[in-house]
Amino acid sequence: MMQIIIVMFLWSICFPTIVLGLPYAPHLTFAALRALLAGLALLIPAYYLNKNQPQGIKIWLKLAGIGLGATTLGFYGMFHASEFVSPGIATVIANTQPLMAMVLAFIFLNERLDWRGKIGVSLGFIGIVIISFPSLTLNADGNYNIGILYIILAAVGITVSNVLIRHIAGQVDALTAMGWQLVIGSFFLGLLALFTENITAINWNVSFISSLLLLALPGTALAYWLWFRVLEKTDLTRANSFSFLVPIFGLAMGVIFYQEHIQLTAFIGISFTIIGIIFVNLPRRNLTTINRR
């Protein structure tokens, strides 16, 4: 469980770190650099540790799917959405991902939640809506519908990639699998950047380099390696329910670093979310009986 919580904390620092670096580099160029650096940070130690490389066309196709979903679509949507919609809307829509993953995990991984698990996922999502409620009516400048599309694109990409990661977990080494998917994803992000941006327009100052390193190393490389290790031994739906913690960590960092005040609605939402995660992860004593039927 501690590994999952660490992953969610690392992912929670990504959005504010992206905001820190965006003024100094084109969006997709920044995203591609993040993914490439993270991928190399995993593949280089994998090489020196003599980790086995992925074998077989099916594994490589799945790694390509993970790279396109989690890295290309996920980063593409994440880096662009903040221009168009409020953080509240972005948080709510992004956190439909565990709900989508629950459906896909049932179809493709035969993962079943009992009534407590279904209630837990629902409570977790309701908690996110309550937490985000004060900013749901605030829109960022730009085209609102385009912003929504970016977030949905990222959520769908991450959902599909999580199903694929769970499918190959245990068959491939975590360092090489996550390293290659990040490199593959960075390639397509780089192509998009090449045709849509001036990829040389980067201000290599301390702020940008710091944000890039923080995003790429702990926020991406370490987080994805740990996430793969988690999915080697935990059902996707159970592990994914902890993603509801990401906005809670964001609130906590706002209090600690920016002296922000948490409203009563946020406390209520946090309570719903934590209860929901507990419900999803309660022991499923009747699962064996259900499967036998």
C-alpha atoms as a PDB file:
ATOM      1  CA  MET A   1       0.000   0.000   0.000  1.00  0.00           C
ATOM      2  CA  MET A   2       2.836   2.394   0.783  1.00  0.00           C
ATOM      3  CA  GLN A   3       4.157   2.071  -2.794  1.00  0.00           C
ATOM      4  CA  ILE A   4       0.749   3.080  -4.172  1.00  0.00           C
ATOM      5  CA  ILE A   5       0.554   6.122  -1.880  1.00  0.00           C
ATOM      6  CA  ILE A   6       4.058   7.209  -2.941  1.00  0.00           C
ATOM      7  CA  VAL A   7       3.038   6.940  -6.605  1.00  0.00           C
ATOM      8  CA  MET A   8      -0.030   9.104  -6.039  1.00  0.00           C
ATOM      9  CA  PHE A   9       2.030  11.696  -4.181  1.00  0.00           C
ATOM     10  CA  LEU A  10       4.574  11.802  -7.022  1.00  0.00           C
ATOM     11  CA  TRP A  11       1.795  12.267  -9.573  1.00  0.00           C
ATOM     12  CA  SER A  12       0.251  15.024  -7.470  1.00  0.00           C
ATOM     13  CA  ILE A  13       3.389  17.164  -7.830  1.00  0.00           C
ATOM     14  CA  CYS A  14       3.325  16.937 -11.627  1.00  0.00           C
ATOM     15  CA  PHE A  15       0.687  19.560 -12.453  1.00  0.00           C
ATOM     16  CA  PRO A  16       2.184  22.404 -10.359  1.00  0.00           C
ATOM     17  CA  THR A  17       5.624  21.468 -11.698  1.00  0.00           C
ATOM     18  CA  ILE A  18       4.341  21.635 -15.274  1.00  0.00           C
ATOM     19  CA  VAL A  19       2.926  25.103 -14.564  1.00  0.00           C
ATOM     20  CA  LEU A  20       6.355  26.165 -13.262  1.00  0.00           C
ATOM     21  CA  GLY A  21       8.122  25.152 -16.475  1.00  0.00           C
ATOM     22  CA  LEU A  22       5.556  26.018 -19.167  1.00  0.00           C
ATOM     23  CA  PRO A  23       6.542  29.701 -19.561  1.00  0.00           C
ATOM     24  CA  TYR A  24      10.000  28.645 -20.711  1.00  0.00           C
ATOM     25  CA  ALA A  25       9.288  25.993 -23.372  1.00  0.00           C
ATOM     26  CA  PRO A  26       6.670  25.031 -25.987  1.00  0.00           C
ATOM     27  CA  HIS A  27       4.125  22.616 -24.494  1.00  0.00           C
ATOM     28  CA  LEU A  28       4.762  19.474 -26.545  1.00  0.00           C
ATOM     29  CA  THR A  29       8.517  20.009 -26.627  1.00  0.00           C
ATOM     30  CA  PHE A  30       8.472  20.177 -22.833  1.00  0.00           C
ATOM     31  CA  ALA A  31       6.328  17.024 -22.660  1.00  0.00           C
ATOM     32  CA  ALA A  32       8.583  15.133 -25.097  1.00  0.00           C
ATOM     33  CA  LEU A  33      11.716  16.076 -23.153  1.00  0.00           C
ATOM     34  CA  ARG A  34      10.072  14.953 -19.917  1.00  0.00           C
ATOM     35  CA  ALA A  35       9.155  11.559 -21.366  1.00  0.00           C
ATOM     36  CA  LEU A  36      12.507  10.970 -23.096  1.00  0.00           C
ATOM     37  CA  LEU A  37      14.554  11.879 -20.032  1.00  0.00           C
ATOM     38  CA  ALA A  38      12.356   9.674 -17.827  1.00  0.00           C
ATOM     39  CA  GLY A  39      12.648   6.755 -20.244  1.00  0.00           C
ATOM     40  CA  LEU A  40      16.442   7.002 -20.393  1.00  0.00           C
ATOM     41  CA  ALA A  41      16.562   7.276 -16.593  1.00  0.00           C
ATOM     42  CA  LEU A  42      15.008   3.785 -16.484  1.00  0.00           C
ATOM     43  CA  LEU A  43      16.707   2.150 -19.478  1.00  0.00           C
ATOM     44  CA  ILE A  44      20.276   3.127 -18.529  1.00  0.00           C
ATOM     45  CA  PRO A  45      20.220   1.444 -15.081  1.00  0.00           C
ATOM     46  CA  ALA A  46      18.325  -1.499 -16.647  1.00  0.00           C
ATOM     47  CA  TYR A  47      21.221  -1.968 -19.079  1.00  0.00           C
ATOM     48  CA  TYR A  48      23.885  -1.862 -16.367  1.00  0.00           C
ATOM     49  CA  LEU A  49      21.842  -4.211 -14.163  1.00  0.00           C
ATOM     50  CA  ASN A  50      21.523  -6.661 -17.082  1.00  0.00           C
ATOM     51  CA  LYS A  51      17.732  -6.622 -16.986  1.00  0.00           C
ATOM     52  CA  ASN A  52      16.003  -8.700 -19.653  1.00  0.00           C
ATOM     53  CA  GLN A  53      14.688  -6.800 -22.637  1.00  0.00           C
ATOM     54  CA  PRO A  54      11.075  -7.279 -23.803  1.00  0.00           C
ATOM     55  CA  GLN A  55      10.653 -10.310 -26.069  1.00  0.00           C
ATOM     56  CA  GLY A  56       8.062 -10.995 -28.757  1.00  0.00           C
ATOM     57  CA  ILE A  57       5.987  -8.838 -31.075  1.00  0.00           C
ATOM     58  CA  LYS A  58       2.915  -8.991 -28.802  1.00  0.00           C
ATOM     59  CA  ILE A  59       4.831  -7.517 -25.853  1.00  0.00           C
ATOM     60  CA  TRP A  60       6.289  -4.770 -28.022  1.00  0.00           C
ATOM     61  CA  LEU A  61       2.865  -3.914 -29.446  1.00  0.00           C
ATOM     62  CA  LYS A  62       1.477  -3.649 -25.917  1.00  0.00           C
ATOM     63  CA  LEU A  63       4.411  -1.439 -24.882  1.00  0.00           C
ATOM     64  CA  ALA A  64       3.709   0.750 -27.911  1.00  0.00           C
ATOM     65  CA  GLY A  65       0.061   0.952 -26.835  1.00  0.00           C
ATOM     66  CA  ILE A  66       1.107   1.955 -23.320  1.00  0.00           C
ATOM     67  CA  GLY A  67       3.474   4.575 -24.721  1.00  0.00           C
ATOM     68  CA  LEU A  68       0.806   6.039 -26.992  1.00  0.00           C
ATOM     69  CA  GLY A  69      -1.818   5.992 -24.223  1.00  0.00           C
ATOM     70  CA  ALA A  70      -0.023   6.970 -21.032  1.00  0.00           C
ATOM     71  CA  THR A  71       2.753   9.085 -22.510  1.00  0.00           C
ATOM     72  CA  THR A  72       1.665  10.532 -25.855  1.00  0.00           C
ATOM     73  CA  LEU A  73      -2.058  11.068 -25.199  1.00  0.00           C
ATOM     74  CA  GLY A  74      -1.692  11.445 -21.419  1.00  0.00           C
ATOM     75  CA  PHE A  75       1.020  14.092 -21.583  1.00  0.00           C
ATOM     76  CA  TYR A  76      -0.526  15.794 -24.626  1.00  0.00           C
ATOM     77  CA  GLY A  77      -3.823  16.277 -22.821  1.00  0.00           C
ATOM     78  CA  MET A  78      -2.225  17.165 -19.505  1.00  0.00           C
ATOM     79  CA  PHE A  79       0.067  19.851 -20.916  1.00  0.00           C
ATOM     80  CA  HIS A  80      -2.681  21.528 -22.988  1.00  0.00           C
ATOM     81  CA  ALA A  81      -5.800  21.295 -20.801  1.00  0.00           C
ATOM     82  CA  SER A  82      -4.665  23.886 -18.251  1.00  0.00           C
ATOM     83  CA  GLU A  83      -4.929  26.612 -20.916  1.00  0.00           C
ATOM     84  CA  PHE A  84      -8.651  26.145 -21.385  1.00  0.00           C
ATOM     85  CA  VAL A  85     -10.474  24.956 -18.264  1.00  0.00           C
ATOM     86  CA  SER A  86     -10.426  25.560 -14.529  1.00  0.00           C
ATOM     87  CA  PRO A  87      -8.527  23.208 -12.207  1.00  0.00           C
ATOM     88  CA  GLY A  88     -11.821  22.068 -10.693  1.00  0.00           C
ATOM     89  CA  ILE A  89     -13.284  20.897 -14.000  1.00  0.00           C
ATOM     90  CA  ALA A  90      -9.968  19.296 -14.947  1.00  0.00           C
ATOM     91  CA  THR A  91      -9.799  17.423 -11.643  1.00  0.00           C
ATOM     92  CA  VAL A  92     -13.337  16.045 -11.916  1.00  0.00           C
ATOM     93  CA  ILE A  93     -13.027  14.875 -15.512  1.00  0.00           C
ATOM     94  CA  ALA A  94      -9.525  13.447 -15.018  1.00  0.00           C
ATOM     95  CA  ASN A  95     -10.815  11.418 -12.089  1.00  0.00           C
ATOM     96  CA  THR A  96     -13.379   9.641 -14.226  1.00  0.00           C
ATOM     97  CA  GLN A  97     -10.364   7.518 -15.152  1.00  0.00           C
ATOM     98  CA  PRO A  98     -10.812   5.007 -12.264  1.00  0.00           C
ATOM     99  CA  LEU A  99     -14.452   4.578 -13.312  1.00  0.00           C
ATOM    100  CA  MET A 100     -13.446   3.873 -16.921  1.00  0.00           C
ATOM    101  CA  ALA A 101     -10.669   1.565 -15.740  1.00  0.00           C
ATOM    102  CA  MET A 102     -13.153  -0.387 -13.616  1.00  0.00           C
ATOM    103  CA  VAL A 103     -15.233  -1.142 -16.725  1.00  0.00           C
ATOM    104  CA  LEU A 104     -12.251  -2.061 -18.916  1.00  0.00           C
ATOM    105  CA  ALA A 105     -10.684  -4.165 -16.148  1.00  0.00           C
ATOM    106  CA  PHE A 106     -13.918  -6.143 -15.902  1.00  0.00           C
ATOM    107  CA  ILE A 107     -14.045  -6.696 -19.689  1.00  0.00           C
ATOM    108  CA  PHE A 108     -10.391  -7.409 -20.433  1.00  0.00           C
ATOM    109  CA  LEU A 109      -8.870  -8.527 -17.116  1.00  0.00           C
ATOM    110  CA  ASN A 110     -11.860 -10.301 -15.559  1.00  0.00           C
ATOM    111  CA  GLU A 111     -11.519  -8.150 -12.433  1.00  0.00           C
ATOM    112  CA  ARG A 112     -14.779  -8.003 -10.515  1.00  0.00           C
ATOM    113  CA  LEU A 113     -15.803  -5.656  -7.742  1.00  0.00           C
ATOM    114  CA  ASP A 114     -18.432  -6.671  -5.228  1.00  0.00           C
ATOM    115  CA  TRP A 115     -21.089  -4.197  -4.092  1.00  0.00           C
ATOM    116  CA  ARG A 116     -18.718  -2.653  -1.558  1.00  0.00           C
ATOM    117  CA  GLY A 117     -16.108  -2.006  -4.230  1.00  0.00           C
ATOM    118  CA  LYS A 118     -18.629  -0.391  -6.585  1.00  0.00           C
ATOM    119  CA  ILE A 119     -19.919   1.814  -3.777  1.00  0.00           C
ATOM    120  CA  GLY A 120     -16.323   2.673  -2.884  1.00  0.00           C
ATOM    121  CA  VAL A 121     -15.427   3.832  -6.407  1.00  0.00           C
ATOM    122  CA  SER A 122     -18.637   5.878  -6.533  1.00  0.00           C
ATOM    123  CA  LEU A 123     -17.916   7.480  -3.148  1.00  0.00           C
ATOM    124  CA  GLY A 124     -14.381   8.284  -4.236  1.00  0.00           C
ATOM    125  CA  PHE A 125     -15.608  10.079  -7.347  1.00  0.00           C
ATOM    126  CA  ILE A 126     -18.330  11.927  -5.398  1.00  0.00           C
ATOM    127  CA  GLY A 127     -15.623  13.077  -2.984  1.00  0.00           C
ATOM    128  CA  ILE A 128     -13.586  14.489  -5.891  1.00  0.00           C
ATOM    129  CA  VAL A 129     -16.641  16.385  -7.166  1.00  0.00           C
ATOM    130  CA  ILE A 130     -17.222  17.858  -3.685  1.00  0.00           C
ATOM    131  CA  ILE A 131     -13.548  18.829  -3.308  1.00  0.00           C
ATOM    132  CA  SER A 132     -13.555  20.534  -6.716  1.00  0.00           C
ATOM    133  CA  PHE A 133     -16.977  22.162  -6.328  1.00  0.00           C
ATOM    134  CA  PRO A 134     -15.783  25.721  -5.452  1.00  0.00           C
ATOM    135  CA  SER A 135     -13.869  25.994  -8.755  1.00  0.00           C
ATOM    136  CA  LEU A 136     -16.229  24.085 -11.032  1.00  0.00           C
ATOM    137  CA  THR A 137     -17.759  27.301 -12.358  1.00  0.00           C
ATOM    138  CA  LEU A 138     -14.423  28.978 -13.032  1.00  0.00           C
ATOM    139  CA  ASN A 139     -13.258  28.757 -16.651  1.00  0.00           C
ATOM    140  CA  ALA A 140      -9.775  29.525 -17.892  1.00  0.00           C
ATOM    141  CA  ASP A 141      -9.340  31.727 -20.953  1.00  0.00           C
ATOM    142  CA  GLY A 142      -9.790  30.023 -24.299  1.00  0.00           C
ATOM    143  CA  ASN A 143     -12.094  27.446 -25.760  1.00  0.00           C
ATOM    144  CA  TYR A 144     -13.804  25.503 -22.977  1.00  0.00           C
ATOM    145  CA  ASN A 145     -14.851  22.569 -25.167  1.00  0.00           C
ATOM    146  CA  ILE A 146     -11.318  22.072 -26.469  1.00  0.00           C
ATOM    147  CA  GLY A 147     -10.054  21.934 -22.874  1.00  0.00           C
ATOM    148  CA  ILE A 148     -12.610  19.266 -21.996  1.00  0.00           C
ATOM    149  CA  LEU A 149     -11.544  17.257 -25.058  1.00  0.00           C
ATOM    150  CA  TYR A 150      -7.896  17.422 -24.002  1.00  0.00           C
ATOM    151  CA  ILE A 151      -8.713  16.100 -20.513  1.00  0.00           C
ATOM    152  CA  ILE A 152     -10.902  13.289 -21.839  1.00  0.00           C
ATOM    153  CA  LEU A 153      -8.181  12.355 -24.319  1.00  0.00           C
ATOM    154  CA  ALA A 154      -5.636  12.125 -21.504  1.00  0.00           C
ATOM    155  CA  ALA A 155      -7.996  10.146 -19.253  1.00  0.00           C
ATOM    156  CA  VAL A 156      -8.823   7.622 -21.992  1.00  0.00           C
ATOM    157  CA  GLY A 157      -5.145   7.213 -22.894  1.00  0.00           C
ATOM    158  CA  ILE A 158      -4.155   6.608 -19.274  1.00  0.00           C
ATOM    159  CA  THR A 159      -7.059   4.192 -18.732  1.00  0.00           C
ATOM    160  CA  VAL A 160      -6.173   2.019 -21.727  1.00  0.00           C
ATOM    161  CA  SER A 161      -2.486   2.071 -20.831  1.00  0.00           C
ATOM    162  CA  ASN A 162      -3.221   0.960 -17.261  1.00  0.00           C
ATOM    163  CA  VAL A 163      -5.150  -2.047 -18.559  1.00  0.00           C
ATOM    164  CA  LEU A 164      -2.202  -2.933 -20.816  1.00  0.00           C
ATOM    165  CA  ILE A 165       0.306  -2.480 -17.974  1.00  0.00           C
ATOM    166  CA  ARG A 166      -1.711  -4.809 -15.767  1.00  0.00           C
ATOM    167  CA  HIS A 167      -1.880  -7.283 -18.669  1.00  0.00           C
ATOM    168  CA  ILE A 168       1.916  -7.500 -19.101  1.00  0.00           C
ATOM    169  CA  ALA A 169       2.866  -7.030 -15.422  1.00  0.00           C
ATOM    170  CA  GLY A 170       4.961  -9.994 -14.357  1.00  0.00           C
ATOM    171  CA  GLN A 171       5.936 -10.851 -17.942  1.00  0.00           C
ATOM    172  CA  VAL A 172       8.454  -8.034 -18.465  1.00  0.00           C
ATOM    173  CA  ASP A 173      10.998  -6.329 -16.250  1.00  0.00           C
ATOM    174  CA  ALA A 174       9.575  -3.118 -14.782  1.00  0.00           C
ATOM    175  CA  LEU A 175      12.595  -0.941 -15.635  1.00  0.00           C
ATOM    176  CA  THR A 176      12.748  -1.950 -19.295  1.00  0.00           C
ATOM    177  CA  ALA A 177       8.971  -1.995 -19.829  1.00  0.00           C
ATOM    178  CA  MET A 178       8.362   1.462 -18.441  1.00  0.00           C
ATOM    179  CA  GLY A 179      11.569   2.824 -19.940  1.00  0.00           C
ATOM    180  CA  TRP A 180      10.642   1.728 -23.456  1.00  0.00           C
ATOM    181  CA  GLN A 181       7.032   2.897 -23.248  1.00  0.00           C
ATOM    182  CA  LEU A 182       8.248   6.348 -22.222  1.00  0.00           C
ATOM    183  CA  VAL A 183      10.779   6.480 -25.064  1.00  0.00           C
ATOM    184  CA  ILE A 184       8.138   5.314 -27.566  1.00  0.00           C
ATOM    185  CA  GLY A 185       5.664   7.875 -26.270  1.00  0.00           C
ATOM    186  CA  SER A 186       8.295  10.624 -26.372  1.00  0.00           C
ATOM    187  CA  PHE A 187       8.977   9.830 -30.049  1.00  0.00           C
ATOM    188  CA  PHE A 188       5.373  10.575 -31.038  1.00  0.00           C
ATOM    189  CA  LEU A 189       5.263  13.643 -28.808  1.00  0.00           C
ATOM    190  CA  GLY A 190       8.452  14.828 -30.489  1.00  0.00           C
ATOM    191  CA  LEU A 191       6.917  14.350 -33.945  1.00  0.00           C
ATOM    192  CA  LEU A 192       3.872  16.404 -32.922  1.00  0.00           C
ATOM    193  CA  ALA A 193       6.144  19.102 -31.503  1.00  0.00           C
ATOM    194  CA  LEU A 194       8.282  19.148 -34.645  1.00  0.00           C
ATOM    195  CA  PHE A 195       5.312  19.915 -36.895  1.00  0.00           C
ATOM    196  CA  THR A 196       3.415  22.272 -34.588  1.00  0.00           C
ATOM    197  CA  GLU A 197       5.996  24.154 -32.498  1.00  0.00           C
ATOM    198  CA  ASN A 198       9.370  25.839 -32.630  1.00  0.00           C
ATOM    199  CA  ILE A 199      11.252  23.153 -30.719  1.00  0.00           C
ATOM    200  CA  THR A 200      14.293  25.400 -30.264  1.00  0.00           C
ATOM    201  CA  ALA A 201      12.311  28.033 -28.338  1.00  0.00           C
ATOM    202  CA  ILE A 202      13.421  26.817 -24.909  1.00  0.00           C
ATOM    203  CA  ASN A 203      14.753  29.088 -22.191  1.00  0.00           C
ATOM    204  CA  TRP A 204      17.199  26.810 -20.368  1.00  0.00           C
ATOM    205  CA  ASN A 205      17.089  28.685 -17.076  1.00  0.00           C
ATOM    206  CA  VAL A 206      17.178  27.286 -13.551  1.00  0.00           C
ATOM    207  CA  SER A 207      13.394  27.225 -13.224  1.00  0.00           C
ATOM    208  CA  PHE A 208      12.883  25.230 -16.420  1.00  0.00           C
ATOM    209  CA  ILE A 209      15.702  22.770 -15.768  1.00  0.00           C
ATOM    210  CA  SER A 210      14.489  22.231 -12.196  1.00  0.00           C
ATOM    211  CA  SER A 211      10.909  21.604 -13.307  1.00  0.00           C
ATOM    212  CA  LEU A 212      12.057  19.272 -16.093  1.00  0.00           C
ATOM    213  CA  LEU A 213      14.219  17.192 -13.762  1.00  0.00           C
ATOM    214  CA  LEU A 214      11.546  17.029 -11.067  1.00  0.00           C
ATOM    215  CA  LEU A 215       8.915  15.983 -13.598  1.00  0.00           C
ATOM    216  CA  ALA A 216      11.065  13.475 -15.443  1.00  0.00           C
ATOM    217  CA  LEU A 217      12.865  11.715 -12.593  1.00  0.00           C
ATOM    218  CA  PRO A 218      10.657  11.356  -9.488  1.00  0.00           C
ATOM    219  CA  GLY A 219       7.400  12.495 -11.132  1.00  0.00           C
ATOM    220  CA  THR A 220       7.607  10.138 -14.105  1.00  0.00           C
ATOM    221  CA  ALA A 221      10.458   7.597 -14.056  1.00  0.00           C
ATOM    222  CA  LEU A 222      10.182   6.630 -10.387  1.00  0.00           C
ATOM    223  CA  ALA A 223       6.388   6.871 -10.370  1.00  0.00           C
ATOM    224  CA  TYR A 224       5.908   4.614 -13.397  1.00  0.00           C
ATOM    225  CA  TRP A 225       8.451   2.053 -12.181  1.00  0.00           C
ATOM    226  CA  LEU A 226       6.677   1.852  -8.816  1.00  0.00           C
ATOM    227  CA  TRP A 227       3.260   1.729 -10.521  1.00  0.00           C
ATOM    228  CA  PHE A 228       4.323  -1.224 -12.667  1.00  0.00           C
ATOM    229  CA  ARG A 229       5.603  -3.007  -9.569  1.00  0.00           C
ATOM    230  CA  VAL A 230       2.267  -2.355  -7.825  1.00  0.00           C
ATOM    231  CA  LEU A 231       0.274  -3.799 -10.739  1.00  0.00           C
ATOM    232  CA  GLU A 232       2.399  -6.947 -10.697  1.00  0.00           C
ATOM    233  CA  LYS A 233       0.626  -7.973  -7.493  1.00  0.00           C
ATOM    234  CA  THR A 234      -2.519  -5.813  -7.182  1.00  0.00           C
ATOM    235  CA  ASP A 235      -5.729  -5.692  -9.209  1.00  0.00           C
ATOM    236  CA  LEU A 236      -5.938  -2.574 -11.383  1.00  0.00           C
ATOM    237  CA  THR A 237      -9.306  -1.464  -9.977  1.00  0.00           C
ATOM    238  CA  ARG A 238      -8.093  -1.676  -6.386  1.00  0.00           C
ATOM    239  CA  ALA A 239      -4.789   0.070  -7.089  1.00  0.00           C
ATOM    240  CA  ASN A 240      -6.416   2.694  -9.307  1.00  0.00           C
ATOM    241  CA  SER A 241      -8.858   3.696  -6.585  1.00  0.00           C
ATOM    242  CA  PHE A 242      -5.920   5.352  -4.818  1.00  0.00           C
ATOM    243  CA  SER A 243      -5.676   7.876  -7.682  1.00  0.00           C
ATOM    244  CA  PHE A 244      -8.469   9.729  -5.889  1.00  0.00           C
ATOM    245  CA  LEU A 245      -5.735  10.730  -3.420  1.00  0.00           C
ATOM    246  CA  VAL A 246      -3.953  12.897  -6.011  1.00  0.00           C
ATOM    247  CA  PRO A 247      -6.131  16.034  -5.553  1.00  0.00           C
ATOM    248  CA  ILE A 248      -6.039  15.514  -1.784  1.00  0.00           C
ATOM    249  CA  PHE A 249      -2.245  15.656  -1.865  1.00  0.00           C
ATOM    250  CA  GLY A 250      -2.603  18.774  -4.018  1.00  0.00           C
ATOM    251  CA  LEU A 251      -4.752  20.417  -1.345  1.00  0.00           C
ATOM    252  CA  ALA A 252      -2.240  19.481   1.338  1.00  0.00           C
ATOM    253  CA  MET A 253       0.633  21.031  -0.617  1.00  0.00           C
ATOM    254  CA  GLY A 254      -1.424  24.200  -1.068  1.00  0.00           C
ATOM    255  CA  VAL A 255      -1.827  24.451   2.709  1.00  0.00           C
ATOM    256  CA  ILE A 256       1.827  23.680   3.471  1.00  0.00           C
ATOM    257  CA  PHE A 257       3.558  25.774   0.805  1.00  0.00           C
ATOM    258  CA  TYR A 258       1.050  28.504  -0.053  1.00  0.00           C
ATOM    259  CA  GLN A 259      -0.849  28.943   3.247  1.00  0.00           C
ATOM    260  CA  GLU A 260      -4.133  28.142   1.506  1.00  0.00           C
ATOM    261  CA  HIS A 261      -7.213  27.423   3.615  1.00  0.00           C
ATOM    262  CA  ILE A 262      -9.244  24.240   3.163  1.00  0.00           C
ATOM    263  CA  GLN A 263     -12.975  24.860   3.065  1.00  0.00           C
ATOM    264  CA  LEU A 264     -15.562  22.708   4.800  1.00  0.00           C
ATOM    265  CA  THR A 265     -16.652  21.218   1.461  1.00  0.00           C
ATOM    266  CA  ALA A 266     -13.096  20.004   0.893  1.00  0.00           C
ATOM    267  CA  PHE A 267     -13.049  18.226   4.257  1.00  0.00           C
ATOM    268  CA  ILE A 268     -16.353  16.548   3.404  1.00  0.00           C
ATOM    269  CA  GLY A 269     -15.025  15.533  -0.008  1.00  0.00           C
ATOM    270  CA  ILE A 270     -11.816  14.151   1.496  1.00  0.00           C
ATOM    271  CA  SER A 271     -13.876  12.063   3.921  1.00  0.00           C
ATOM    272  CA  PHE A 272     -15.969  10.624   1.074  1.00  0.00           C
ATOM    273  CA  THR A 273     -12.842   9.843  -0.933  1.00  0.00           C
ATOM    274  CA  ILE A 274     -10.988   8.091   1.889  1.00  0.00           C
ATOM    275  CA  ILE A 275     -14.067   6.045   2.822  1.00  0.00           C
ATOM    276  CA  GLY A 276     -14.432   5.113  -0.852  1.00  0.00           C
ATOM    277  CA  ILE A 277     -10.824   3.885  -1.093  1.00  0.00           C
ATOM    278  CA  ILE A 278     -11.304   1.816   2.069  1.00  0.00           C
ATOM    279  CA  PHE A 279     -14.488   0.266   0.636  1.00  0.00           C
ATOM    280  CA  VAL A 280     -12.759  -0.687  -2.629  1.00  0.00           C
ATOM    281  CA  ASN A 281      -9.899  -2.342  -0.776  1.00  0.00           C
ATOM    282  CA  LEU A 282     -11.905  -4.301   1.778  1.00  0.00           C
ATOM    283  CA  PRO A 283     -11.217  -8.067   1.575  1.00  0.00           C
ATOM    284  CA  ARG A 284     -13.508  -9.642  -1.004  1.00  0.00           C
ATOM    285  CA  ARG A 285     -14.504 -12.831   0.773  1.00  0.00           C
ATOM    286  CA  ASN A 286     -17.195 -13.758  -1.736  1.00  0.00           C
ATOM    287  CA  LEU A 287     -15.075 -13.361  -4.868  1.00  0.00           C
ATOM    288  CA  THR A 288     -14.155 -17.037  -5.119  1.00  0.00           C
ATOM    289  CA  THR A 289     -17.796 -18.035  -4.840  1.00  0.00           C
ATOM    290  CA  ILE A 290     -18.787 -15.576  -7.557  1.00  0.00           C
ATOM    291  CA  ASN A 291     -16.092 -16.842  -9.920  1.00  0.00           C
ATOM    292  CA  ARG A 292     -17.082 -20.480  -9.369  1.00  0.00           C
ATOM    293  CA  ARG A 293     -20.602 -19.716 -10.417  1.00  0.00           C
END
